[in-house]
Amino acid sequence: MGGISANAGSAAESYKDLKFPPLNNLQIPQPNRMELPNGIVLFLIEDHELPMVNVSVLIRGGTRSEPVSKAGVADLCGTVMRTGGTASRPGDKLDEELDRLGGAVEMGMSDDLGSAGVSVLKEDTDKGLAILSDLLQNPLFPEDKIELAKIGIRDSIARRNDNPGGIVFREFERILFGTNSAYGHQPEYATLDAIKREDLIVYYKQFYQPENLIVGVWGDFKASEMREKIEGTLGAWKKGGQPKPEVPAVESSANRSGVYYISKEDINQTWVVVGHLGGQRNDPDYYALNIMNRILGGSMSSRMFSNIRSDMGLAYNIRSSWSAGWDHPGAFMASGSTKVETTVKMLAAMKHEIKRMTEEEVTDEELSRAKDGVLKGFAFEFDSTGKVVQRMMNYEFYGYPRDYLQRFRENIEKVSRTDILNAAKKHLHSDQSIQLLLGREKDFDEPLSTLGKVTTVDITIPKPVEAGSAGK
């Protein structure tokens, strides 16, 4: 019987000695870009691997553009456009039609934008485009579907304090951006009750217009034929004439820095989040900060994971993230959970690691390992045609160059130890951080008052107004 040679591993005494060739250059398919007379920007890319056609639509708007007093109207609009259907395709009948086709139509809403899409077999392309075009141009907004969608949001409000991790990250972002800001507000029973069918129609008319749409199509088709199909459906939509929605400003979080506490007596661990506003993807320091974060707490070989979790044994899960926004600042945060009895000790350890990033250069080994981790994941940004198209749509949506992701690789490779230190000094502000803790303060290793002034965060869910009691 053959065996493994005793000398099989002699060429490399340690994994650190292994050498690998440079990564190959990726050949990225380039979608055809065109603009229709009504203002729709269209991306097309042929992919004949499967007999499928996929359409994705981005719509300028999002929850950041809704009135804070009627928080929830954007989500309701996106949901009921799909569930309510149109006069010629009521929602329930549309579901039956899609079941027969074996297709799918989705519509939704995020902070920055609305989305819509359809996926059908190649032979059903015309039907799929007709359905999507009808939903986008002629939503019915029936009252019964509005109320059904409200029930879903009310249920999520009722359950939003069930998960400690969900609470602490939600409240951190609300403190970070401001609880009544475009990025920090949230639906309440009262805001839902204030929303009427007319509010959905007003929101729809303001944002759902051809000038606000970016459409991407990929799948088994000929580009010239697909353009004709899009022109015959979405291209026939008349311009709305509404101004392009503005990007809401984000105020500095420095005036909201300090220690915050959420009391939660029914858990045995403390959740801790430390951070402040991050930056944007078009910041020249973005690449250095990306590598910096991976070294700090963005990987299993990071300093926080190795020092705070493995060596000090203070946390099972601990990490950091540098979330850079496309057109507004994102968030920098370090987070984790620990035993109640080591709460303040872990917070101090987290702040120490953050501060250390601003005081000394990272090692050559840390830099090499971080770059390697980022670049090895780079190929997965292009592992499907859909990802390529949707990235091109994002770059168009936010005003980034089409080769932005290709530039990403070369800029990551250029990052030096000095770049990381300079970027950390400029962008990490430990003296202006928000420190949020959720748990049982009476069992903490030290009183929170030793950290400075403490602001208690009330997460009580305002009760719904009972029918007939308003105005009493």
Protein backbone atom coordinates (compact mmCIF):
# COMPACT_ATOMS: atom_id res chain seq x y z
CA MET A 1 0.00 0.00 0.00
CA GLY A 2 1.36 3.40 -0.95
CA GLY A 3 1.82 6.08 1.67
CA ILE A 4 2.50 9.80 1.96
CA SER A 5 6.14 10.63 1.65
CA ALA A 6 7.82 11.78 4.83
CA ASN A 7 9.37 14.54 2.78
CA ALA A 8 6.09 15.68 1.22
CA GLY A 9 5.96 18.83 3.31
CA SER A 10 9.66 19.56 3.48
CA ALA A 11 9.50 22.23 0.78
CA ALA A 12 7.52 24.49 3.10
CA GLU A 13 8.10 24.34 6.85
CA SER A 14 5.12 26.62 7.47
CA TYR A 15 2.09 27.84 5.59
CA LYS A 16 3.73 31.28 5.80
CA ASP A 17 6.44 30.02 3.46
CA LEU A 18 4.02 29.03 0.69
CA LYS A 19 4.29 31.14 -2.47
CA PHE A 20 1.50 31.65 -4.96
CA PRO A 21 1.56 33.24 -8.43
CA PRO A 22 -0.28 36.53 -9.05
CA LEU A 23 -4.00 36.30 -9.70
CA ASN A 24 -5.03 36.19 -13.35
CA ASN A 25 -6.64 39.24 -14.87
CA LEU A 26 -10.41 38.84 -15.04
CA GLN A 27 -12.19 39.14 -18.36
CA ILE A 28 -15.40 40.95 -17.50
CA PRO A 29 -18.25 41.02 -20.03
CA GLN A 30 -19.33 44.57 -20.79
CA PRO A 31 -23.07 45.27 -21.07
CA ASN A 32 -24.37 47.45 -23.87
CA ARG A 33 -25.52 50.79 -22.43
CA MET A 34 -28.16 52.93 -24.10
CA GLU A 35 -30.60 55.65 -23.13
CA LEU A 36 -34.18 55.61 -24.36
CA PRO A 37 -35.95 58.82 -25.47
CA ASN A 38 -38.06 58.88 -22.28
CA GLY A 39 -34.94 58.91 -20.06
CA ILE A 40 -34.64 55.24 -19.11
CA VAL A 41 -31.03 54.03 -19.00
CA LEU A 42 -30.80 50.48 -20.32
CA PHE A 43 -28.08 47.84 -19.92
CA LEU A 44 -28.19 44.64 -22.00
CA ILE A 45 -25.92 41.61 -21.90
CA GLU A 46 -26.46 38.32 -23.70
CA ASP A 47 -25.96 35.07 -21.78
CA HIS A 48 -27.07 31.97 -23.67
CA GLU A 49 -26.14 29.42 -21.02
CA LEU A 50 -29.76 28.96 -19.88
CA PRO A 51 -33.05 29.66 -21.70
CA MET A 52 -33.95 32.42 -19.20
CA VAL A 53 -34.45 36.18 -19.34
CA ASN A 54 -33.99 38.37 -16.27
CA VAL A 55 -34.92 42.03 -15.90
CA SER A 56 -33.88 44.25 -12.98
CA VAL A 57 -35.09 47.81 -12.40
CA LEU A 58 -33.74 50.47 -10.01
CA ILE A 59 -35.96 53.45 -9.14
CA ARG A 60 -34.64 56.60 -7.51
CA GLY A 61 -36.36 57.28 -4.19
CA GLY A 62 -36.34 54.83 -1.29
CA THR A 63 -37.33 55.17 2.34
CA ARG A 64 -34.93 58.10 2.77
CA SER A 65 -37.26 60.14 0.55
CA GLU A 66 -40.47 59.50 2.50
CA PRO A 67 -41.95 61.95 5.05
CA VAL A 68 -40.81 60.99 8.54
CA SER A 69 -44.35 61.62 9.81
CA LYS A 70 -45.56 58.90 7.44
CA ALA A 71 -42.72 56.44 7.85
CA GLY A 72 -43.65 53.23 6.08
CA VAL A 73 -45.25 54.78 2.99
CA ALA A 74 -42.31 53.83 0.74
CA ASP A 75 -42.35 50.19 1.86
CA LEU A 76 -46.12 50.08 1.47
CA CYS A 77 -45.84 51.51 -2.03
CA GLY A 78 -43.29 48.90 -3.12
CA THR A 79 -45.21 46.02 -1.53
CA VAL A 80 -48.72 46.92 -2.74
CA MET A 81 -47.57 47.66 -6.28
CA ARG A 82 -46.84 43.94 -6.45
CA THR A 83 -49.59 42.43 -4.28
CA GLY A 84 -52.31 44.79 -5.54
CA GLY A 85 -51.53 44.44 -9.21
CA THR A 86 -53.29 46.52 -11.84
CA ALA A 87 -56.81 46.90 -13.20
CA SER A 88 -56.08 44.35 -15.92
CA ARG A 89 -53.97 42.13 -13.64
CA PRO A 90 -55.26 42.09 -10.04
CA GLY A 91 -52.67 40.77 -7.64
CA ASP A 92 -54.26 37.38 -6.95
CA LYS A 93 -54.81 36.66 -10.65
CA LEU A 94 -51.26 37.78 -11.36
CA ASP A 95 -49.99 35.19 -8.89
CA GLU A 96 -51.92 32.51 -10.76
CA GLU A 97 -50.54 33.70 -14.11
CA LEU A 98 -46.97 33.62 -12.81
CA ASP A 99 -47.51 30.12 -11.42
CA ARG A 100 -48.55 28.94 -14.88
CA LEU A 101 -45.51 30.61 -16.43
CA GLY A 102 -43.11 29.38 -13.77
CA GLY A 103 -41.90 32.97 -13.52
CA ALA A 104 -41.36 35.47 -10.74
CA VAL A 105 -41.98 39.20 -10.32
CA GLU A 106 -40.62 41.07 -7.31
CA MET A 107 -40.88 44.67 -6.12
CA GLY A 108 -39.36 46.23 -3.03
CA MET A 109 -37.82 49.21 -1.29
CA SER A 110 -34.52 50.02 0.45
CA ASP A 111 -33.04 53.17 1.98
CA ASP A 112 -31.77 54.58 -1.30
CA LEU A 113 -34.02 53.16 -3.96
CA GLY A 114 -36.97 51.12 -5.10
CA SER A 115 -36.50 47.92 -7.05
CA ALA A 116 -38.45 45.69 -9.39
CA GLY A 117 -37.67 42.65 -11.47
CA VAL A 118 -38.98 39.75 -13.48
CA SER A 119 -37.51 36.36 -14.32
CA VAL A 120 -39.11 34.12 -16.97
CA LEU A 121 -38.28 31.45 -19.50
CA LYS A 122 -37.05 32.77 -22.83
CA GLU A 123 -40.30 31.74 -24.53
CA ASP A 124 -42.29 33.88 -22.06
CA THR A 125 -40.19 37.05 -22.46
CA ASP A 126 -43.01 39.11 -23.98
CA LYS A 127 -45.44 38.11 -21.22
CA GLY A 128 -42.89 38.87 -18.50
CA LEU A 129 -42.07 42.30 -19.91
CA ALA A 130 -45.75 43.11 -20.31
CA ILE A 131 -46.44 42.20 -16.69
CA LEU A 132 -43.51 44.22 -15.33
CA SER A 133 -44.35 47.23 -17.49
CA ASP A 134 -48.00 47.13 -16.41
CA LEU A 135 -47.11 46.96 -12.71
CA LEU A 136 -44.67 49.86 -12.97
CA GLN A 137 -46.99 52.10 -14.97
CA ASN A 138 -50.49 51.23 -13.74
CA PRO A 139 -50.51 50.16 -10.07
CA LEU A 140 -53.98 49.87 -8.60
CA PHE A 141 -53.24 50.21 -4.85
CA PRO A 142 -56.43 48.47 -3.63
CA GLU A 143 -57.43 49.24 -0.06
CA ASP A 144 -57.55 45.60 1.05
CA LYS A 145 -53.95 44.99 -0.05
CA ILE A 146 -52.82 48.20 1.65
CA GLU A 147 -54.33 47.04 4.92
CA LEU A 148 -52.82 43.57 4.51
CA ALA A 149 -49.37 45.13 4.00
CA LYS A 150 -49.90 47.35 7.05
CA ILE A 151 -50.63 44.25 9.12
CA GLY A 152 -47.25 42.85 8.07
CA ILE A 153 -45.41 46.02 9.11
CA ARG A 154 -47.35 46.22 12.39
CA ASP A 155 -46.29 42.64 13.12
CA SER A 156 -42.63 43.54 12.51
CA ILE A 157 -42.99 46.55 14.84
CA ALA A 158 -44.44 44.31 17.56
CA ARG A 159 -41.50 41.88 17.24
CA ARG A 160 -38.65 44.33 16.72
CA ASN A 161 -37.35 44.04 20.28
CA ASP A 162 -37.21 40.25 20.31
CA ASN A 163 -33.61 39.91 19.13
CA PRO A 164 -30.85 41.63 21.17
CA GLY A 165 -28.50 41.89 18.21
CA GLY A 166 -31.21 43.40 16.05
CA ILE A 167 -31.99 45.96 18.76
CA VAL A 168 -28.42 47.12 19.31
CA PHE A 169 -27.54 47.54 15.62
CA ARG A 170 -30.84 49.27 14.88
CA GLU A 171 -30.50 51.73 17.73
CA PHE A 172 -26.83 52.38 16.99
CA GLU A 173 -27.70 53.50 13.47
CA ARG A 174 -30.62 55.60 14.74
CA ILE A 175 -28.29 57.39 17.17
CA LEU A 176 -25.62 57.67 14.48
CA PHE A 177 -27.82 59.33 11.86
CA GLY A 178 -30.45 60.89 14.13
CA THR A 179 -33.70 59.23 15.10
CA ASN A 180 -35.84 61.57 13.00
CA SER A 181 -33.47 61.81 10.06
CA ALA A 182 -33.87 60.39 6.56
CA TYR A 183 -31.65 57.43 7.52
CA GLY A 184 -32.64 56.97 11.16
CA HIS A 185 -36.43 57.11 11.27
CA GLN A 186 -38.60 54.01 11.46
CA PRO A 187 -42.29 53.11 11.06
CA GLU A 188 -44.48 53.25 14.15
CA TYR A 189 -48.11 52.33 14.65
CA ALA A 190 -49.02 56.02 14.51
CA THR A 191 -47.17 56.70 11.25
CA LEU A 192 -48.84 53.69 9.64
CA ASP A 193 -52.26 54.86 10.81
CA ALA A 194 -51.56 58.24 9.22
CA ILE A 195 -50.95 56.70 5.79
CA LYS A 196 -53.90 56.66 3.40
CA ARG A 197 -54.20 55.28 -0.12
CA GLU A 198 -53.68 58.78 -1.51
CA ASP A 199 -50.26 58.95 0.19
CA LEU A 200 -49.11 55.88 -1.75
CA ILE A 201 -50.32 57.45 -4.97
CA VAL A 202 -48.50 60.72 -4.18
CA TYR A 203 -45.27 58.82 -3.43
CA TYR A 204 -45.65 56.75 -6.58
CA LYS A 205 -46.20 59.76 -8.85
CA GLN A 206 -43.21 61.58 -7.37
CA PHE A 207 -40.65 58.82 -7.97
CA TYR A 208 -41.95 56.22 -10.43
CA GLN A 209 -41.23 57.88 -13.75
CA PRO A 210 -38.99 56.87 -16.68
CA GLU A 211 -36.36 59.49 -15.86
CA ASN A 212 -35.78 57.76 -12.52
CA LEU A 213 -35.35 54.24 -13.92
CA ILE A 214 -32.26 52.20 -14.68
CA VAL A 215 -33.07 48.86 -16.33
CA GLY A 216 -30.76 45.88 -16.73
CA VAL A 217 -31.56 42.80 -18.80
CA TRP A 218 -29.49 39.63 -19.09
CA GLY A 219 -30.18 36.19 -20.47
CA ASP A 220 -30.90 34.27 -23.64
CA PHE A 221 -31.76 36.92 -26.23
CA LYS A 222 -30.31 39.04 -29.01
CA ALA A 223 -29.50 42.56 -27.82
CA SER A 224 -31.06 44.29 -30.83
CA GLU A 225 -34.31 42.37 -30.41
CA MET A 226 -34.42 42.98 -26.66
CA ARG A 227 -34.00 46.70 -27.14
CA GLU A 228 -37.04 46.71 -29.41
CA LYS A 229 -39.05 44.83 -26.81
CA ILE A 230 -38.06 47.26 -24.04
CA GLU A 231 -38.84 50.24 -26.28
CA GLY A 232 -42.27 48.77 -26.98
CA THR A 233 -43.11 48.38 -23.29
CA LEU A 234 -41.19 50.56 -20.84
CA GLY A 235 -40.00 52.83 -23.65
CA ALA A 236 -43.59 53.88 -24.35
CA TRP A 237 -43.93 55.29 -20.82
CA LYS A 238 -44.23 59.08 -20.95
CA LYS A 239 -41.86 61.25 -18.94
CA GLY A 240 -43.15 62.30 -15.54
CA GLY A 241 -41.39 65.64 -15.30
CA GLN A 242 -40.71 65.39 -11.55
CA PRO A 243 -37.27 66.59 -10.37
CA LYS A 244 -34.62 64.01 -9.58
CA PRO A 245 -34.77 63.24 -5.84
CA GLU A 246 -32.05 64.90 -3.80
CA VAL A 247 -29.70 62.94 -1.58
CA PRO A 248 -30.56 63.82 2.04
CA ALA A 249 -27.67 65.40 3.93
CA VAL A 250 -26.07 63.53 6.81
CA GLU A 251 -25.12 65.56 9.85
CA SER A 252 -21.92 64.88 11.73
CA SER A 253 -22.33 62.33 14.50
CA ALA A 254 -19.75 64.08 16.70
CA ASN A 255 -22.44 65.94 18.64
CA ARG A 256 -24.10 62.61 19.43
CA SER A 257 -20.94 60.88 20.70
CA GLY A 258 -20.93 59.43 24.19
CA VAL A 259 -22.10 56.41 26.17
CA TYR A 260 -25.59 55.00 25.60
CA TYR A 261 -27.31 52.21 27.44
CA ILE A 262 -30.27 49.95 26.66
CA SER A 263 -31.64 47.99 29.59
CA LYS A 264 -32.48 44.36 28.79
CA GLU A 265 -32.88 42.22 31.89
CA ASP A 266 -33.76 38.90 30.21
CA ILE A 267 -30.37 38.17 28.63
CA ASN A 268 -27.11 36.80 30.04
CA GLN A 269 -24.76 38.66 27.73
CA THR A 270 -24.00 42.28 26.95
CA TRP A 271 -24.03 43.52 23.38
CA VAL A 272 -21.56 46.30 22.64
CA VAL A 273 -21.24 48.55 19.58
CA VAL A 274 -18.63 51.31 19.22
CA GLY A 275 -18.32 53.58 16.20
CA HIS A 276 -19.14 56.70 14.26
CA LEU A 277 -19.91 57.81 10.72
CA GLY A 278 -17.81 56.18 8.01
CA GLY A 279 -17.11 57.53 4.56
CA GLN A 280 -18.08 57.07 0.94
CA ARG A 281 -16.78 54.72 -1.73
CA ASN A 282 -15.39 57.60 -3.77
CA ASP A 283 -13.09 58.71 -0.94
CA PRO A 284 -9.42 58.26 -1.99
CA ASP A 285 -8.81 56.61 1.40
CA TYR A 286 -11.50 53.98 0.82
CA TYR A 287 -9.03 51.31 -0.28
CA ALA A 288 -6.68 51.83 2.67
CA LEU A 289 -9.67 51.81 5.04
CA ASN A 290 -10.93 48.59 3.49
CA ILE A 291 -7.63 46.88 4.28
CA MET A 292 -7.41 48.62 7.66
CA ASN A 293 -10.80 47.21 8.67
CA ARG A 294 -9.87 43.69 7.62
CA ILE A 295 -6.82 43.87 9.88
CA LEU A 296 -8.75 45.45 12.76
CA GLY A 297 -11.80 43.20 12.92
CA GLY A 298 -12.99 42.23 9.46
CA SER A 299 -11.66 38.68 9.31
CA MET A 300 -10.97 35.64 11.47
CA SER A 301 -7.27 36.56 11.50
CA SER A 302 -7.98 40.14 12.60
CA ARG A 303 -6.60 41.78 15.73
CA MET A 304 -9.96 41.88 17.49
CA PHE A 305 -10.68 38.25 16.73
CA SER A 306 -7.18 37.11 17.78
CA ASN A 307 -6.66 39.35 20.80
CA ILE A 308 -10.12 39.89 22.29
CA ARG A 309 -11.74 36.59 21.38
CA SER A 310 -8.91 34.06 21.34
CA ASP A 311 -6.29 35.46 23.72
CA MET A 312 -8.45 37.33 26.26
CA GLY A 313 -11.48 35.06 25.95
CA LEU A 314 -13.87 37.99 26.23
CA ALA A 315 -16.15 37.33 23.28
CA TYR A 316 -17.36 34.59 20.99
CA ASN A 317 -18.41 36.91 18.19
CA ILE A 318 -16.55 40.15 17.60
CA ARG A 319 -15.92 42.10 14.46
CA SER A 320 -15.58 45.51 12.86
CA SER A 321 -16.90 46.98 9.61
CA TRP A 322 -16.16 50.05 7.54
CA SER A 323 -19.41 50.54 5.67
CA ALA A 324 -18.86 53.17 2.98
CA GLY A 325 -21.98 54.57 1.36
CA TRP A 326 -22.35 55.19 -2.36
CA ASP A 327 -23.65 58.75 -2.11
CA HIS A 328 -23.69 59.44 1.64
CA PRO A 329 -21.50 58.47 4.61
CA GLY A 330 -21.81 54.94 5.89
CA ALA A 331 -20.93 53.68 9.36
CA PHE A 332 -17.78 52.48 11.07
CA MET A 333 -18.53 50.11 13.91
CA ALA A 334 -16.90 47.51 16.08
CA SER A 335 -19.30 45.12 17.74
CA GLY A 336 -19.51 42.00 19.84
CA SER A 337 -21.12 40.34 22.82
CA THR A 338 -19.59 39.23 26.10
CA LYS A 339 -20.48 37.91 29.55
CA VAL A 340 -22.26 40.50 31.66
CA GLU A 341 -19.40 40.37 34.15
CA THR A 342 -16.80 41.43 31.54
CA THR A 343 -18.76 44.19 29.81
CA VAL A 344 -16.58 47.21 30.55
CA LYS A 345 -13.41 45.17 30.17
CA MET A 346 -14.38 44.15 26.63
CA LEU A 347 -15.41 47.70 25.71
CA ALA A 348 -11.99 48.93 26.84
CA ALA A 349 -10.28 46.22 24.79
CA MET A 350 -12.24 47.19 21.69
CA LYS A 351 -11.39 50.87 22.08
CA HIS A 352 -7.74 49.96 22.64
CA GLU A 353 -7.54 48.06 19.35
CA ILE A 354 -9.23 50.90 17.47
CA LYS A 355 -6.85 53.47 18.98
CA ARG A 356 -3.83 51.28 18.22
CA MET A 357 -4.66 51.44 14.53
CA THR A 358 -4.04 55.21 14.67
CA GLU A 359 -0.75 54.96 16.56
CA GLU A 360 1.41 52.42 14.76
CA GLU A 361 1.80 50.87 11.35
CA VAL A 362 0.44 47.39 10.74
CA THR A 363 2.97 44.63 10.07
CA ASP A 364 4.01 43.41 6.64
CA GLU A 365 2.38 40.06 7.42
CA GLU A 366 -0.92 41.70 8.39
CA LEU A 367 -0.89 43.81 5.24
CA SER A 368 -0.11 40.86 2.97
CA ARG A 369 -2.73 38.62 4.56
CA ALA A 370 -5.43 41.32 4.41
CA LYS A 371 -4.74 42.13 0.76
CA ASP A 372 -4.75 38.44 -0.10
CA GLY A 373 -8.13 37.96 1.58
CA VAL A 374 -9.70 40.92 -0.21
CA LEU A 375 -8.30 40.07 -3.63
CA LYS A 376 -9.21 36.39 -3.45
CA GLY A 377 -12.80 37.39 -2.87
CA PHE A 378 -12.62 39.79 -5.80
CA ALA A 379 -13.40 37.11 -8.40
CA PHE A 380 -16.77 36.41 -6.78
CA GLU A 381 -17.88 39.92 -7.71
CA PHE A 382 -18.09 38.69 -11.31
CA ASP A 383 -19.17 35.05 -10.95
CA SER A 384 -22.53 35.57 -12.64
CA THR A 385 -23.82 37.69 -15.50
CA GLY A 386 -26.52 39.08 -13.24
CA LYS A 387 -23.91 40.43 -10.80
CA VAL A 388 -22.06 42.17 -13.62
CA VAL A 389 -25.20 43.86 -14.93
CA GLN A 390 -26.44 44.89 -11.52
CA ARG A 391 -23.05 46.37 -10.64
CA MET A 392 -23.11 48.43 -13.81
CA MET A 393 -26.60 49.60 -12.85
CA ASN A 394 -25.35 50.63 -9.40
CA TYR A 395 -22.45 52.58 -10.84
CA GLU A 396 -24.86 54.38 -13.17
CA PHE A 397 -27.32 55.01 -10.35
CA TYR A 398 -24.74 56.60 -8.05
CA GLY A 399 -22.61 58.28 -10.70
CA TYR A 400 -19.50 56.05 -10.54
CA PRO A 401 -17.28 55.16 -13.54
CA ARG A 402 -18.11 51.89 -15.29
CA ASP A 403 -14.65 50.48 -14.56
CA TYR A 404 -14.92 51.26 -10.84
CA LEU A 405 -14.59 47.64 -9.76
CA GLN A 406 -11.65 47.01 -12.06
CA ARG A 407 -9.91 50.01 -10.47
CA PHE A 408 -10.66 48.51 -7.06
CA ARG A 409 -8.18 45.67 -7.53
CA GLU A 410 -5.24 47.86 -8.58
CA ASN A 411 -5.94 50.37 -5.81
CA ILE A 412 -6.05 47.61 -3.19
CA GLU A 413 -2.71 46.30 -4.44
CA LYS A 414 -1.18 49.77 -4.05
CA VAL A 415 -2.13 50.17 -0.36
CA SER A 416 0.90 50.50 1.92
CA ARG A 417 1.40 50.33 5.67
CA THR A 418 1.84 54.11 5.71
CA ASP A 419 -1.41 54.57 3.76
CA ILE A 420 -3.29 52.57 6.39
CA LEU A 421 -1.82 54.51 9.31
CA ASN A 422 -2.56 57.87 7.68
CA ALA A 423 -6.11 56.85 6.78
CA ALA A 424 -6.74 55.54 10.30
CA LYS A 425 -5.47 58.78 11.86
CA LYS A 426 -7.74 60.76 9.59
CA HIS A 427 -10.89 58.68 9.77
CA LEU A 428 -10.95 56.86 13.13
CA HIS A 429 -12.17 59.14 15.92
CA SER A 430 -12.19 57.26 19.20
CA ASP A 431 -12.79 60.48 21.11
CA GLN A 432 -15.98 61.12 19.10
CA SER A 433 -17.42 57.62 19.07
CA ILE A 434 -20.85 56.40 20.02
CA GLN A 435 -20.59 53.60 22.62
CA LEU A 436 -23.81 51.63 22.92
CA LEU A 437 -24.29 48.81 25.42
CA LEU A 438 -27.31 46.55 25.81
CA GLY A 439 -27.69 44.32 28.86
CA ARG A 440 -28.06 44.23 32.67
CA GLU A 441 -26.06 47.13 34.10
CA LYS A 442 -26.48 46.01 37.72
CA ASP A 443 -24.27 43.00 36.93
CA PHE A 444 -21.59 44.81 34.90
CA ASP A 445 -18.00 44.59 36.13
CA GLU A 446 -17.98 48.38 36.56
CA PRO A 447 -20.71 51.04 36.67
CA LEU A 448 -21.20 52.72 33.30
CA SER A 449 -20.86 56.06 35.05
CA THR A 450 -17.11 55.42 35.18
CA LEU A 451 -17.10 55.92 31.40
CA GLY A 452 -18.75 59.35 31.57
CA LYS A 453 -22.26 60.65 31.13
CA VAL A 454 -24.66 57.86 30.23
CA THR A 455 -27.75 58.36 28.07
CA THR A 456 -30.47 55.74 28.47
CA VAL A 457 -32.13 54.68 25.23
CA ASP A 458 -35.83 53.95 25.50
CA ILE A 459 -36.84 51.15 23.11
CA THR A 460 -40.41 50.95 24.35
CA ILE A 461 -42.72 50.47 21.39
CA PRO A 462 -45.43 53.18 21.37
CA LYS A 463 -48.81 51.53 21.63
CA PRO A 464 -51.26 51.80 18.76
CA VAL A 465 -54.12 54.24 19.19
CA GLU A 466 -57.33 52.36 19.86
CA ALA A 467 -60.13 52.87 17.41
CA GLY A 468 -62.36 55.73 18.48
CA SER A 469 -59.93 57.07 21.10
CA ALA A 470 -58.06 59.54 18.87
CA GLY A 471 -58.59 63.13 19.91
CA LYS A 472 -59.92 62.32 23.39
